[in-house]
């Protein structure tokens, strides 16, 4: 994609300058004061889930430069993220500081689930949270493989509401209204629809394209040789679809005319360098 869209030079500079395989000192300080992050996981089929985690400052614990852990508080019982991690240990974390530094930090790695008592036996300095709803039953320990900056230019600058003007958060509550009630009206419509059931999953990603089955006819329509035929290596359906997508992207980019010149930004090395 970088080669087709002409971004290889910029990407290489970013890898060289900004991507680490550990958390340096500035990154560790940044993690230690965050109160929230966004979490991406996927199951064994590649079905994705994106969710949100929050806690008091320092709820994400930096255990060393290549290991961090965060607690799993009481939720809705679905256990989507933990279930995904049990099948596919790779995850992505995005921390964004909207209020102070207006900067972000990506952390990618491999995760494992640890019981609270096991985590405390290994790390006896972990504090015991006085709020019952913030007492972890499980921890997720993340072995860090990549850590890099999320630039500031598109991050909105937010301000915290003073404590006296906001309601207290209901950590761990099962109270329907305090959890948000039926904000989107889904429960009110429940009687009019069949209960949700996830579709049966198969090996849907073997070509990098979900839900498409190979057939000799589909390849013949595109002029490719079927399995076993003589001639050059035949492209997979995923490769063909990816090429069609890139062609479409290039057509769109070719038609797009910027309304004003794009300003060259000065080279940035400061936040976590």
C-alpha atoms as a PDB file:
ATOM      1  CA  UNK A   1       0.000   0.000   0.000  1.00  0.00           C
ATOM      2  CA  UNK A   2       2.829   2.401   0.788  1.00  0.00           C
ATOM      3  CA  UNK A   3       4.460   1.726  -2.560  1.00  0.00           C
ATOM      4  CA  UNK A   4       1.227   2.042  -4.536  1.00  0.00           C
ATOM      5  CA  UNK A   5       0.212   5.264  -2.787  1.00  0.00           C
ATOM      6  CA  UNK A   6       3.670   6.816  -2.673  1.00  0.00           C
ATOM      7  CA  UNK A   7       4.141   7.032   1.113  1.00  0.00           C
ATOM      8  CA  UNK A   8       7.121   4.688   1.534  1.00  0.00           C
ATOM      9  CA  UNK A   9       9.664   7.420   2.278  1.00  0.00           C
ATOM     10  CA  UNK A  10       7.508   9.017   4.953  1.00  0.00           C
ATOM     11  CA  UNK A  11       6.667   5.617   6.444  1.00  0.00           C
ATOM     12  CA  UNK A  12      10.319   4.547   6.583  1.00  0.00           C
ATOM     13  CA  UNK A  13      11.226   7.774   8.366  1.00  0.00           C
ATOM     14  CA  UNK A  14       8.422   7.164  10.860  1.00  0.00           C
ATOM     15  CA  UNK A  15       9.631   3.597  11.559  1.00  0.00           C
ATOM     16  CA  UNK A  16      13.195   4.793  12.026  1.00  0.00           C
ATOM     17  CA  UNK A  17      12.372   7.763  14.258  1.00  0.00           C
ATOM     18  CA  UNK A  18       9.309   6.792  16.243  1.00  0.00           C
ATOM     19  CA  UNK A  19       8.624   3.038  16.476  1.00  0.00           C
ATOM     20  CA  UNK A  20      10.115   1.234  19.488  1.00  0.00           C
ATOM     21  CA  UNK A  21       9.870  -2.347  20.740  1.00  0.00           C
ATOM     22  CA  UNK A  22       9.582  -1.156  24.347  1.00  0.00           C
ATOM     23  CA  UNK A  23       8.314   1.759  26.433  1.00  0.00           C
ATOM     24  CA  UNK A  24      10.974   4.391  26.966  1.00  0.00           C
ATOM     25  CA  UNK A  25      10.952   6.678  29.987  1.00  0.00           C
ATOM     26  CA  UNK A  26       8.655   9.307  28.485  1.00  0.00           C
ATOM     27  CA  UNK A  27       6.192   6.639  27.380  1.00  0.00           C
ATOM     28  CA  UNK A  28       6.168   5.053  30.833  1.00  0.00           C
ATOM     29  CA  UNK A  29       5.384   8.421  32.426  1.00  0.00           C
ATOM     30  CA  UNK A  30       2.606   8.973  29.893  1.00  0.00           C
ATOM     31  CA  UNK A  31       1.002   5.559  30.573  1.00  0.00           C
ATOM     32  CA  UNK A  32       1.168   6.031  34.332  1.00  0.00           C
ATOM     33  CA  UNK A  33      -1.078   9.103  34.322  1.00  0.00           C
ATOM     34  CA  UNK A  34      -3.723   7.989  31.819  1.00  0.00           C
ATOM     35  CA  UNK A  35      -7.327   7.360  32.886  1.00  0.00           C
ATOM     36  CA  UNK A  36      -8.578   5.588  29.775  1.00  0.00           C
ATOM     37  CA  UNK A  37      -7.634   3.775  26.602  1.00  0.00           C
ATOM     38  CA  UNK A  38      -9.173   2.131  23.550  1.00  0.00           C
ATOM     39  CA  UNK A  39      -8.635  -1.606  23.086  1.00  0.00           C
ATOM     40  CA  UNK A  40      -8.696  -3.623  19.849  1.00  0.00           C
ATOM     41  CA  UNK A  41      -8.876  -7.423  19.799  1.00  0.00           C
ATOM     42  CA  UNK A  42      -9.915 -10.120  17.310  1.00  0.00           C
ATOM     43  CA  UNK A  43     -10.967 -13.754  17.616  1.00  0.00           C
ATOM     44  CA  UNK A  44      -9.424 -16.704  15.810  1.00  0.00           C
ATOM     45  CA  UNK A  45     -11.373 -15.872  12.632  1.00  0.00           C
ATOM     46  CA  UNK A  46     -10.240 -12.244  12.585  1.00  0.00           C
ATOM     47  CA  UNK A  47     -13.630 -10.924  13.721  1.00  0.00           C
ATOM     48  CA  UNK A  48     -12.761  -7.632  15.403  1.00  0.00           C
ATOM     49  CA  UNK A  49     -13.918  -5.857  18.527  1.00  0.00           C
ATOM     50  CA  UNK A  50     -13.080  -2.355  19.694  1.00  0.00           C
ATOM     51  CA  UNK A  51     -13.835  -1.276  23.247  1.00  0.00           C
ATOM     52  CA  UNK A  52     -13.018   1.265  25.938  1.00  0.00           C
ATOM     53  CA  UNK A  53     -11.300   0.884  29.298  1.00  0.00           C
ATOM     54  CA  UNK A  54     -11.095   3.465  32.074  1.00  0.00           C
ATOM     55  CA  UNK A  55      -9.928   3.756  35.665  1.00  0.00           C
ATOM     56  CA  UNK A  56      -8.157   6.077  38.065  1.00  0.00           C
ATOM     57  CA  UNK A  57      -4.779   7.479  36.953  1.00  0.00           C
ATOM     58  CA  UNK A  58      -2.278   4.645  37.012  1.00  0.00           C
ATOM     59  CA  UNK A  59      -4.813   1.842  36.559  1.00  0.00           C
ATOM     60  CA  UNK A  60      -2.613   0.633  33.690  1.00  0.00           C
ATOM     61  CA  UNK A  61       0.543  -0.615  35.374  1.00  0.00           C
ATOM     62  CA  UNK A  62       3.937  -0.489  33.685  1.00  0.00           C
ATOM     63  CA  UNK A  63       5.724  -3.543  35.086  1.00  0.00           C
ATOM     64  CA  UNK A  64       8.884  -3.035  33.054  1.00  0.00           C
ATOM     65  CA  UNK A  65       9.837  -1.510  29.715  1.00  0.00           C
ATOM     66  CA  UNK A  66       8.432  -4.495  27.808  1.00  0.00           C
ATOM     67  CA  UNK A  67       5.492  -5.459  30.005  1.00  0.00           C
ATOM     68  CA  UNK A  68       2.346  -3.709  31.193  1.00  0.00           C
ATOM     69  CA  UNK A  69      -0.920  -4.889  32.743  1.00  0.00           C
ATOM     70  CA  UNK A  70      -4.425  -3.534  33.101  1.00  0.00           C
ATOM     71  CA  UNK A  71      -7.304  -4.729  35.305  1.00  0.00           C
ATOM     72  CA  UNK A  72     -10.601  -6.132  34.079  1.00  0.00           C
ATOM     73  CA  UNK A  73     -13.410  -4.589  36.133  1.00  0.00           C
ATOM     74  CA  UNK A  74     -16.949  -5.899  36.441  1.00  0.00           C
ATOM     75  CA  UNK A  75     -18.829  -5.367  33.160  1.00  0.00           C
ATOM     76  CA  UNK A  76     -21.821  -6.752  31.271  1.00  0.00           C
ATOM     77  CA  UNK A  77     -20.630 -10.353  31.431  1.00  0.00           C
ATOM     78  CA  UNK A  78     -20.110 -10.725  27.686  1.00  0.00           C
ATOM     79  CA  UNK A  79     -16.311 -10.958  28.092  1.00  0.00           C
ATOM     80  CA  UNK A  80     -15.771 -10.096  24.411  1.00  0.00           C
ATOM     81  CA  UNK A  81     -12.167  -8.912  24.803  1.00  0.00           C
ATOM     82  CA  UNK A  82     -11.131 -11.710  27.160  1.00  0.00           C
ATOM     83  CA  UNK A  83     -12.795 -14.246  24.871  1.00  0.00           C
ATOM     84  CA  UNK A  84     -10.916 -12.884  21.871  1.00  0.00           C
ATOM     85  CA  UNK A  85      -7.613 -12.928  23.737  1.00  0.00           C
ATOM     86  CA  UNK A  86      -8.208 -16.575  24.703  1.00  0.00           C
ATOM     87  CA  UNK A  87      -8.293 -17.397  20.965  1.00  0.00           C
ATOM     88  CA  UNK A  88      -5.940 -14.765  19.546  1.00  0.00           C
ATOM     89  CA  UNK A  89      -3.422 -13.164  21.934  1.00  0.00           C
ATOM     90  CA  UNK A  90      -2.599 -10.136  19.776  1.00  0.00           C
ATOM     91  CA  UNK A  91      -4.102  -6.816  20.758  1.00  0.00           C
ATOM     92  CA  UNK A  92      -3.751  -3.096  20.159  1.00  0.00           C
ATOM     93  CA  UNK A  93      -4.017  -0.322  22.744  1.00  0.00           C
ATOM     94  CA  UNK A  94      -4.492   3.348  21.921  1.00  0.00           C
ATOM     95  CA  UNK A  95      -4.086   5.900  24.708  1.00  0.00           C
ATOM     96  CA  UNK A  96      -5.004   9.507  23.951  1.00  0.00           C
ATOM     97  CA  UNK A  97      -4.456  12.440  26.278  1.00  0.00           C
ATOM     98  CA  UNK A  98      -7.219  14.845  25.252  1.00  0.00           C
ATOM     99  CA  UNK A  99      -6.752  17.350  28.078  1.00  0.00           C
ATOM    100  CA  UNK A 100      -3.072  17.945  28.853  1.00  0.00           C
ATOM    101  CA  UNK A 101      -0.581  17.023  26.141  1.00  0.00           C
ATOM    102  CA  UNK A 102      -3.068  16.322  23.318  1.00  0.00           C
ATOM    103  CA  UNK A 103      -1.007  13.402  22.045  1.00  0.00           C
ATOM    104  CA  UNK A 104      -1.487   9.664  21.717  1.00  0.00           C
ATOM    105  CA  UNK A 105       0.445   6.429  22.203  1.00  0.00           C
ATOM    106  CA  UNK A 106      -0.071   3.149  20.349  1.00  0.00           C
ATOM    107  CA  UNK A 107       0.962  -0.098  22.035  1.00  0.00           C
ATOM    108  CA  UNK A 108       0.731  -3.423  20.182  1.00  0.00           C
ATOM    109  CA  UNK A 109       1.662  -6.797  21.594  1.00  0.00           C
ATOM    110  CA  UNK A 110       0.718 -10.232  22.846  1.00  0.00           C
ATOM    111  CA  UNK A 111      -1.559 -10.661  25.844  1.00  0.00           C
ATOM    112  CA  UNK A 112      -2.358 -13.271  28.456  1.00  0.00           C
ATOM    113  CA  UNK A 113      -5.031 -13.327  31.134  1.00  0.00           C
ATOM    114  CA  UNK A 114      -3.897 -13.539  34.775  1.00  0.00           C
ATOM    115  CA  UNK A 115      -6.034 -14.050  37.892  1.00  0.00           C
ATOM    116  CA  UNK A 116      -5.878 -11.216  40.415  1.00  0.00           C
ATOM    117  CA  UNK A 117      -4.295 -13.386  43.111  1.00  0.00           C
ATOM    118  CA  UNK A 118      -1.617 -14.599  40.692  1.00  0.00           C
ATOM    119  CA  UNK A 119      -0.840 -11.047  39.585  1.00  0.00           C
ATOM    120  CA  UNK A 120      -0.495  -9.865  43.187  1.00  0.00           C
ATOM    121  CA  UNK A 121       1.721 -12.816  44.070  1.00  0.00           C
ATOM    122  CA  UNK A 122       4.052 -11.875  41.230  1.00  0.00           C
ATOM    123  CA  UNK A 123       3.784  -8.110  41.890  1.00  0.00           C
ATOM    124  CA  UNK A 124       3.051  -7.579  45.602  1.00  0.00           C
ATOM    125  CA  UNK A 125       3.387  -3.789  45.264  1.00  0.00           C
ATOM    126  CA  UNK A 126       0.107  -3.532  43.338  1.00  0.00           C
ATOM    127  CA  UNK A 127      -2.271  -1.294  45.343  1.00  0.00           C
ATOM    128  CA  UNK A 128      -5.647  -2.547  46.554  1.00  0.00           C
ATOM    129  CA  UNK A 129      -8.330  -0.248  45.169  1.00  0.00           C
ATOM    130  CA  UNK A 130     -10.755   0.919  47.893  1.00  0.00           C
ATOM    131  CA  UNK A 131     -13.706   1.113  45.463  1.00  0.00           C
ATOM    132  CA  UNK A 132     -15.429  -2.323  45.235  1.00  0.00           C
ATOM    133  CA  UNK A 133     -16.377  -1.824  41.572  1.00  0.00           C
ATOM    134  CA  UNK A 134     -12.712  -1.277  40.698  1.00  0.00           C
ATOM    135  CA  UNK A 135     -11.375  -4.436  42.295  1.00  0.00           C
ATOM    136  CA  UNK A 136     -10.042  -6.538  39.472  1.00  0.00           C
ATOM    137  CA  UNK A 137     -10.933 -10.192  39.156  1.00  0.00           C
ATOM    138  CA  UNK A 138      -8.610 -10.566  36.194  1.00  0.00           C
ATOM    139  CA  UNK A 139      -5.633  -8.754  34.737  1.00  0.00           C
ATOM    140  CA  UNK A 140      -4.428  -8.664  31.151  1.00  0.00           C
ATOM    141  CA  UNK A 141      -0.640  -8.720  30.893  1.00  0.00           C
ATOM    142  CA  UNK A 142       0.718  -7.369  27.596  1.00  0.00           C
ATOM    143  CA  UNK A 143       4.153  -8.200  26.217  1.00  0.00           C
ATOM    144  CA  UNK A 144       5.020  -5.113  24.176  1.00  0.00           C
ATOM    145  CA  UNK A 145       6.111  -5.548  20.569  1.00  0.00           C
ATOM    146  CA  UNK A 146       5.523  -2.041  19.203  1.00  0.00           C
ATOM    147  CA  UNK A 147       5.097   1.383  20.792  1.00  0.00           C
ATOM    148  CA  UNK A 148       4.774   4.597  18.826  1.00  0.00           C
ATOM    149  CA  UNK A 149       3.267   8.058  18.811  1.00  0.00           C
ATOM    150  CA  UNK A 150      -0.193   9.057  17.579  1.00  0.00           C
ATOM    151  CA  UNK A 151       0.289  12.574  16.281  1.00  0.00           C
ATOM    152  CA  UNK A 152      -1.557  15.553  17.708  1.00  0.00           C
ATOM    153  CA  UNK A 153      -2.912  17.222  14.591  1.00  0.00           C
ATOM    154  CA  UNK A 154      -6.377  15.570  14.579  1.00  0.00           C
ATOM    155  CA  UNK A 155      -6.872  15.153  18.343  1.00  0.00           C
ATOM    156  CA  UNK A 156      -9.515  17.483  19.817  1.00  0.00           C
ATOM    157  CA  UNK A 157      -8.585  19.462  22.909  1.00  0.00           C
ATOM    158  CA  UNK A 158     -11.066  18.664  25.696  1.00  0.00           C
ATOM    159  CA  UNK A 159     -11.496  20.042  29.184  1.00  0.00           C
ATOM    160  CA  UNK A 160     -12.470  18.156  32.304  1.00  0.00           C
ATOM    161  CA  UNK A 161     -15.682  19.125  34.064  1.00  0.00           C
ATOM    162  CA  UNK A 162     -15.034  20.071  37.703  1.00  0.00           C
ATOM    163  CA  UNK A 163     -15.921  17.257  40.104  1.00  0.00           C
ATOM    164  CA  UNK A 164     -18.722  19.271  41.726  1.00  0.00           C
ATOM    165  CA  UNK A 165     -20.459  19.608  38.344  1.00  0.00           C
ATOM    166  CA  UNK A 166     -20.421  15.970  37.292  1.00  0.00           C
ATOM    167  CA  UNK A 167     -22.120  12.937  38.747  1.00  0.00           C
ATOM    168  CA  UNK A 168     -20.090  10.244  40.420  1.00  0.00           C
ATOM    169  CA  UNK A 169     -19.200   7.280  38.245  1.00  0.00           C
ATOM    170  CA  UNK A 170     -20.987   4.092  39.260  1.00  0.00           C
ATOM    171  CA  UNK A 171     -18.057   1.681  39.191  1.00  0.00           C
ATOM    172  CA  UNK A 172     -19.209  -1.931  38.820  1.00  0.00           C
ATOM    173  CA  UNK A 173     -22.910  -1.168  39.215  1.00  0.00           C
ATOM    174  CA  UNK A 174     -25.681  -3.413  37.909  1.00  0.00           C
ATOM    175  CA  UNK A 175     -28.250  -0.609  38.181  1.00  0.00           C
ATOM    176  CA  UNK A 176     -29.926  -0.409  34.756  1.00  0.00           C
ATOM    177  CA  UNK A 177     -30.403   3.358  34.739  1.00  0.00           C
ATOM    178  CA  UNK A 178     -26.940   4.190  36.082  1.00  0.00           C
ATOM    179  CA  UNK A 179     -25.396   2.065  33.338  1.00  0.00           C
ATOM    180  CA  UNK A 180     -27.192   4.144  30.695  1.00  0.00           C
ATOM    181  CA  UNK A 181     -30.573   2.498  30.515  1.00  0.00           C
ATOM    182  CA  UNK A 182     -31.936   1.769  27.052  1.00  0.00           C
ATOM    183  CA  UNK A 183     -30.237   4.826  25.542  1.00  0.00           C
ATOM    184  CA  UNK A 184     -30.375   3.536  21.935  1.00  0.00           C
ATOM    185  CA  UNK A 185     -33.811   1.933  22.232  1.00  0.00           C
ATOM    186  CA  UNK A 186     -32.615  -1.586  21.427  1.00  0.00           C
ATOM    187  CA  UNK A 187     -34.386  -3.192  24.397  1.00  0.00           C
ATOM    188  CA  UNK A 188     -37.652  -1.453  23.552  1.00  0.00           C
ATOM    189  CA  UNK A 189     -37.559  -3.119  20.126  1.00  0.00           C
ATOM    190  CA  UNK A 190     -36.614  -6.568  21.439  1.00  0.00           C
ATOM    191  CA  UNK A 191     -40.152  -7.989  21.264  1.00  0.00           C
ATOM    192  CA  UNK A 192     -40.330  -7.185  17.545  1.00  0.00           C
ATOM    193  CA  UNK A 193     -37.237  -9.050  16.455  1.00  0.00           C
ATOM    194  CA  UNK A 194     -35.633 -12.443  16.766  1.00  0.00           C
ATOM    195  CA  UNK A 195     -32.897 -12.759  19.412  1.00  0.00           C
ATOM    196  CA  UNK A 196     -29.425 -11.953  18.134  1.00  0.00           C
ATOM    197  CA  UNK A 197     -27.330 -14.972  17.179  1.00  0.00           C
ATOM    198  CA  UNK A 198     -23.831 -14.765  15.818  1.00  0.00           C
ATOM    199  CA  UNK A 199     -23.430 -16.417  12.432  1.00  0.00           C
ATOM    200  CA  UNK A 200     -21.509 -19.676  12.275  1.00  0.00           C
ATOM    201  CA  UNK A 201     -17.893 -18.928  11.457  1.00  0.00           C
ATOM    202  CA  UNK A 202     -15.784 -20.856   9.004  1.00  0.00           C
ATOM    203  CA  UNK A 203     -12.264 -20.379   7.693  1.00  0.00           C
ATOM    204  CA  UNK A 204     -13.338 -17.119   6.070  1.00  0.00           C
ATOM    205  CA  UNK A 205      -9.963 -15.350   5.829  1.00  0.00           C
ATOM    206  CA  UNK A 206      -7.805 -17.815   3.956  1.00  0.00           C
ATOM    207  CA  UNK A 207      -7.295 -15.352   1.100  1.00  0.00           C
ATOM    208  CA  UNK A 208      -7.556 -12.266   3.268  1.00  0.00           C
ATOM    209  CA  UNK A 209     -11.129 -11.729   2.045  1.00  0.00           C
ATOM    210  CA  UNK A 210     -14.129 -12.675   4.161  1.00  0.00           C
ATOM    211  CA  UNK A 211     -16.992 -14.709   2.793  1.00  0.00           C
ATOM    212  CA  UNK A 212     -15.680 -15.340  -0.742  1.00  0.00           C
ATOM    213  CA  UNK A 213     -15.335 -18.901  -1.974  1.00  0.00           C
ATOM    214  CA  UNK A 214     -12.911 -19.867  -4.697  1.00  0.00           C
ATOM    215  CA  UNK A 215     -14.267 -21.391  -7.914  1.00  0.00           C
ATOM    216  CA  UNK A 216     -12.690 -22.159 -11.248  1.00  0.00           C
ATOM    217  CA  UNK A 217     -15.437 -20.177 -12.945  1.00  0.00           C
ATOM    218  CA  UNK A 218     -14.641 -17.013 -10.994  1.00  0.00           C
ATOM    219  CA  UNK A 219     -10.992 -17.235 -11.952  1.00  0.00           C
ATOM    220  CA  UNK A 220     -11.806 -18.002 -15.582  1.00  0.00           C
ATOM    221  CA  UNK A 221     -14.006 -14.910 -15.790  1.00  0.00           C
ATOM    222  CA  UNK A 222     -10.958 -12.909 -14.711  1.00  0.00           C
ATOM    223  CA  UNK A 223      -8.647 -14.678 -17.166  1.00  0.00           C
ATOM    224  CA  UNK A 224      -6.649 -16.637 -14.550  1.00  0.00           C
ATOM    225  CA  UNK A 225      -5.745 -20.292 -14.864  1.00  0.00           C
ATOM    226  CA  UNK A 226      -7.576 -22.788 -12.609  1.00  0.00           C
ATOM    227  CA  UNK A 227      -5.716 -24.914 -10.041  1.00  0.00           C
ATOM    228  CA  UNK A 228      -3.249 -27.287 -11.722  1.00  0.00           C
ATOM    229  CA  UNK A 229      -3.265 -25.558 -15.101  1.00  0.00           C
ATOM    230  CA  UNK A 230      -0.011 -24.679 -16.822  1.00  0.00           C
ATOM    231  CA  UNK A 231       1.138 -21.098 -16.967  1.00  0.00           C
ATOM    232  CA  UNK A 232       2.170 -18.374 -14.552  1.00  0.00           C
ATOM    233  CA  UNK A 233       1.217 -18.516 -10.864  1.00  0.00           C
ATOM    234  CA  UNK A 234      -2.440 -17.698 -10.559  1.00  0.00           C
ATOM    235  CA  UNK A 235      -3.420 -14.915  -8.215  1.00  0.00           C
ATOM    236  CA  UNK A 236      -5.695 -15.681  -5.318  1.00  0.00           C
ATOM    237  CA  UNK A 237      -9.091 -14.059  -5.217  1.00  0.00           C
ATOM    238  CA  UNK A 238      -7.862 -11.958  -2.292  1.00  0.00           C
ATOM    239  CA  UNK A 239      -4.967 -10.660  -4.382  1.00  0.00           C
ATOM    240  CA  UNK A 240      -7.298  -9.790  -7.238  1.00  0.00           C
ATOM    241  CA  UNK A 241      -9.730  -7.961  -4.977  1.00  0.00           C
ATOM    242  CA  UNK A 242      -6.874  -6.080  -3.307  1.00  0.00           C
ATOM    243  CA  UNK A 243      -5.556  -4.978  -6.711  1.00  0.00           C
ATOM    244  CA  UNK A 244      -9.032  -3.815  -7.759  1.00  0.00           C
ATOM    245  CA  UNK A 245      -9.311  -1.854  -4.511  1.00  0.00           C
ATOM    246  CA  UNK A 246      -5.929  -0.175  -5.038  1.00  0.00           C
ATOM    247  CA  UNK A 247      -6.846   0.701  -8.606  1.00  0.00           C
ATOM    248  CA  UNK A 248     -10.001   2.350  -7.308  1.00  0.00           C
ATOM    249  CA  UNK A 249      -8.052   4.257  -4.645  1.00  0.00           C
ATOM    250  CA  UNK A 250      -5.631   5.544  -7.245  1.00  0.00           C
ATOM    251  CA  UNK A 251      -8.489   6.682  -9.505  1.00  0.00           C
ATOM    252  CA  UNK A 252     -10.040   8.628  -6.633  1.00  0.00           C
ATOM    253  CA  UNK A 253      -6.698  10.183  -5.676  1.00  0.00           C
ATOM    254  CA  UNK A 254      -5.999  11.137  -9.270  1.00  0.00           C
ATOM    255  CA  UNK A 255      -9.303  13.032  -9.493  1.00  0.00           C
ATOM    256  CA  UNK A 256      -8.916  14.729  -6.142  1.00  0.00           C
ATOM    257  CA  UNK A 257      -7.489  18.211  -6.474  1.00  0.00           C
ATOM    258  CA  UNK A 258      -6.452  19.849  -3.185  1.00  0.00           C
ATOM    259  CA  UNK A 259      -8.075  23.238  -2.670  1.00  0.00           C
ATOM    260  CA  UNK A 260      -4.862  24.619  -1.249  1.00  0.00           C
ATOM    261  CA  UNK A 261      -1.271  23.401  -1.151  1.00  0.00           C
ATOM    262  CA  UNK A 262      -0.465  20.944   1.618  1.00  0.00           C
ATOM    263  CA  UNK A 263       1.975  22.591   3.973  1.00  0.00           C
ATOM    264  CA  UNK A 264       5.127  20.696   4.759  1.00  0.00           C
ATOM    265  CA  UNK A 265       5.283  20.233   8.511  1.00  0.00           C
ATOM    266  CA  UNK A 266       8.632  20.487  10.283  1.00  0.00           C
ATOM    267  CA  UNK A 267      10.186  17.185  11.236  1.00  0.00           C
ATOM    268  CA  UNK A 268       8.821  16.101  14.619  1.00  0.00           C
ATOM    269  CA  UNK A 269      11.012  14.226  17.085  1.00  0.00           C
ATOM    270  CA  UNK A 270       9.978  15.530  20.446  1.00  0.00           C
ATOM    271  CA  UNK A 271       7.311  13.686  22.380  1.00  0.00           C
ATOM    272  CA  UNK A 272       8.677  10.205  23.003  1.00  0.00           C
ATOM    273  CA  UNK A 273      12.101  10.443  21.335  1.00  0.00           C
END
